[in-house]
Amino acid sequence: MNLNECELIRQAVMARADGEAVALPTGQIEAHLARCAECRREAEAMQSLSALLAAQARRKDSAELWPSIAPQLASVKRPTAQPDSAGFFVVLGLILLVYQSALFFGAPALWWWFKAAVVLAIIALLALRRMNPFIIEPELLNIQKGAI
């Protein structure tokens, strides 16, 4: 068989399998497939692949998921801000403001002392507040494990 003719027939068979318009008449395609065993094998393989893909199509989910999810979200405890945490952040902000001012106006020889003092002051504030910035709340752990 002519390779160009085989290529045209294979393209036409692929287009027909995909549901597209075919440029060649159906009779010409069928006559060629009757004569050419290689093109016939290709056409059969395409048909079996199309059937396999059609069987794997996603089914439409008719269930509405939101009514089952909404009550679970409503029952999750959300962390609330502590009323006295504003003062903590004001003090922390003032320490950082003094630190930046000292860096801008201060002498370079004293910088490392001042940096150490700022770090120690922040650690002391966190210790006094009994705050651990590295702790993970149990609610977040449950969310990550899919317990909700």
Protein backbone atom coordinates (compact mmCIF):
# COMPACT_ATOMS: atom_id res chain seq x y z
CA MET A 1 0.00 0.00 0.00
CA ASN A 2 0.97 3.60 -0.55
CA LEU A 3 2.29 5.14 2.69
CA ASN A 4 0.61 8.48 1.98
CA GLU A 5 -2.74 6.75 1.41
CA CYS A 6 -2.31 4.72 4.63
CA GLU A 7 -1.51 7.88 6.55
CA LEU A 8 -4.63 9.63 5.18
CA ILE A 9 -6.79 6.63 6.07
CA ARG A 10 -5.36 6.42 9.60
CA GLN A 11 -6.01 10.12 10.15
CA ALA A 12 -9.54 9.68 8.86
CA VAL A 13 -10.10 6.69 11.17
CA MET A 14 -8.78 8.72 14.15
CA ALA A 15 -11.03 11.64 13.26
CA ARG A 16 -14.03 9.32 12.94
CA ALA A 17 -13.20 7.70 16.31
CA ASP A 18 -13.04 11.15 17.91
CA GLY A 19 -16.37 12.13 16.41
CA GLU A 20 -14.88 14.72 14.08
CA ALA A 21 -15.76 15.36 10.46
CA VAL A 22 -13.89 13.08 8.07
CA ALA A 23 -12.49 14.44 4.80
CA LEU A 24 -12.60 11.07 3.01
CA PRO A 25 -15.78 9.24 2.03
CA THR A 26 -16.70 6.31 4.30
CA GLY A 27 -16.66 3.89 1.36
CA GLN A 28 -13.07 4.75 0.51
CA ILE A 29 -12.02 4.25 4.16
CA GLU A 30 -13.79 0.89 4.41
CA ALA A 31 -12.36 -0.31 1.08
CA HIS A 32 -8.84 0.57 2.18
CA LEU A 33 -9.30 -1.15 5.56
CA ALA A 34 -10.50 -4.28 3.75
CA ARG A 35 -7.31 -4.33 1.65
CA CYS A 36 -4.69 -3.17 4.21
CA ALA A 37 -4.15 -5.41 7.25
CA GLU A 38 -1.86 -2.90 8.99
CA CYS A 39 -4.40 -0.06 8.79
CA ARG A 40 -7.15 -2.46 9.89
CA ARG A 41 -5.10 -3.38 13.01
CA GLU A 42 -4.57 0.33 13.74
CA ALA A 43 -8.31 1.02 13.35
CA GLU A 44 -9.21 -1.87 15.67
CA ALA A 45 -6.67 -0.68 18.25
CA MET A 46 -8.14 2.84 18.11
CA GLN A 47 -11.66 1.48 18.53
CA SER A 48 -10.68 -0.64 21.52
CA LEU A 49 -8.85 2.32 23.05
CA SER A 50 -11.87 4.57 22.50
CA ALA A 51 -14.11 1.96 24.14
CA LEU A 52 -11.74 1.68 27.09
CA LEU A 53 -11.60 5.44 27.54
CA ALA A 54 -15.38 5.74 27.27
CA ALA A 55 -15.76 3.16 30.02
CA GLN A 56 -13.45 5.19 32.26
CA ALA A 57 -15.45 8.42 32.02
CA ARG A 58 -16.12 10.13 35.33
CA ARG A 59 -19.53 9.70 36.72
CA LYS A 60 -21.44 12.74 37.84
CA ASP A 61 -21.78 12.96 41.60
CA SER A 62 -25.33 13.76 42.52
CA ALA A 63 -24.72 14.08 46.26
CA GLU A 64 -24.56 17.55 47.72
CA LEU A 65 -21.61 17.66 50.13
CA TRP A 66 -22.10 21.03 51.79
CA PRO A 67 -24.89 19.97 54.21
CA SER A 68 -22.59 17.33 55.70
CA ILE A 69 -19.54 19.63 55.87
CA ALA A 70 -21.14 22.78 57.30
CA PRO A 71 -21.99 21.34 60.76
CA GLN A 72 -18.45 20.01 61.13
CA LEU A 73 -17.01 23.43 60.36
CA ALA A 74 -19.36 25.08 62.81
CA SER A 75 -18.20 22.78 65.61
CA VAL A 76 -14.51 23.62 65.17
CA LYS A 77 -13.22 25.85 67.96
CA ARG A 78 -11.51 28.87 66.56
CA PRO A 79 -8.76 30.44 68.66
CA THR A 80 -9.66 33.82 70.03
CA ALA A 81 -7.23 36.62 70.74
CA GLN A 82 -6.39 37.18 74.37
CA PRO A 83 -7.60 40.58 75.52
CA ASP A 84 -4.29 41.46 77.15
CA SER A 85 -2.15 40.51 74.16
CA ALA A 86 -2.23 44.07 72.80
CA GLY A 87 0.08 45.28 75.59
CA PHE A 88 2.53 42.51 74.83
CA PHE A 89 2.77 43.58 71.20
CA VAL A 90 3.11 47.24 72.15
CA VAL A 91 6.08 46.42 74.39
CA LEU A 92 7.58 44.20 71.70
CA GLY A 93 7.12 46.96 69.12
CA LEU A 94 8.79 49.51 71.39
CA ILE A 95 11.76 47.20 71.93
CA LEU A 96 12.14 46.75 68.19
CA LEU A 97 11.78 50.51 67.61
CA VAL A 98 14.51 51.24 70.15
CA TYR A 99 16.65 48.54 68.54
CA GLN A 100 16.30 50.01 65.05
CA SER A 101 16.93 53.51 66.37
CA ALA A 102 20.09 52.35 68.13
CA LEU A 103 21.30 50.71 64.94
CA PHE A 104 20.64 53.87 63.00
CA PHE A 105 22.15 56.34 65.49
CA GLY A 106 24.34 54.15 67.71
CA ALA A 107 28.01 53.39 67.76
CA PRO A 108 29.09 50.22 65.86
CA ALA A 109 31.14 48.95 68.81
CA LEU A 110 28.03 48.54 70.97
CA TRP A 111 25.80 46.89 68.37
CA TRP A 112 26.42 43.30 69.35
CA TRP A 113 25.63 44.09 73.01
CA PHE A 114 22.44 45.79 72.01
CA LYS A 115 21.45 42.94 69.69
CA ALA A 116 21.95 40.45 72.50
CA ALA A 117 19.92 42.62 74.88
CA VAL A 118 17.01 42.81 72.42
CA VAL A 119 16.99 39.05 71.85
CA LEU A 120 17.09 38.42 75.62
CA ALA A 121 14.27 40.93 76.19
CA ILE A 122 12.08 39.21 73.61
CA ILE A 123 12.80 35.79 75.13
CA ALA A 124 12.00 37.17 78.58
CA LEU A 125 8.71 38.62 77.34
CA LEU A 126 7.73 35.32 75.78
CA ALA A 127 8.69 33.46 78.95
CA LEU A 128 6.68 35.83 81.14
CA ARG A 129 3.66 35.40 78.89
CA ARG A 130 4.28 31.65 78.79
CA MET A 131 4.01 31.80 75.05
CA ASN A 132 5.81 29.35 72.83
CA PRO A 133 5.81 30.66 69.25
CA PHE A 134 6.80 27.20 68.00
CA ILE A 135 3.94 25.19 69.49
CA ILE A 136 1.27 23.76 67.22
CA GLU A 137 -2.27 23.91 68.55
CA PRO A 138 -4.00 20.51 68.96
CA GLU A 139 -6.89 21.65 66.77
CA LEU A 140 -4.48 22.22 63.90
CA LEU A 141 -3.00 18.77 64.35
CA ASN A 142 -6.48 17.24 64.16
CA ILE A 143 -7.23 19.18 60.99
CA GLN A 144 -4.05 17.95 59.34
CA LYS A 145 -4.79 14.34 60.25
CA GLY A 146 -8.28 14.58 58.74
CA ALA A 147 -10.07 14.13 62.07
CA ILE A 148 -12.60 16.82 61.23
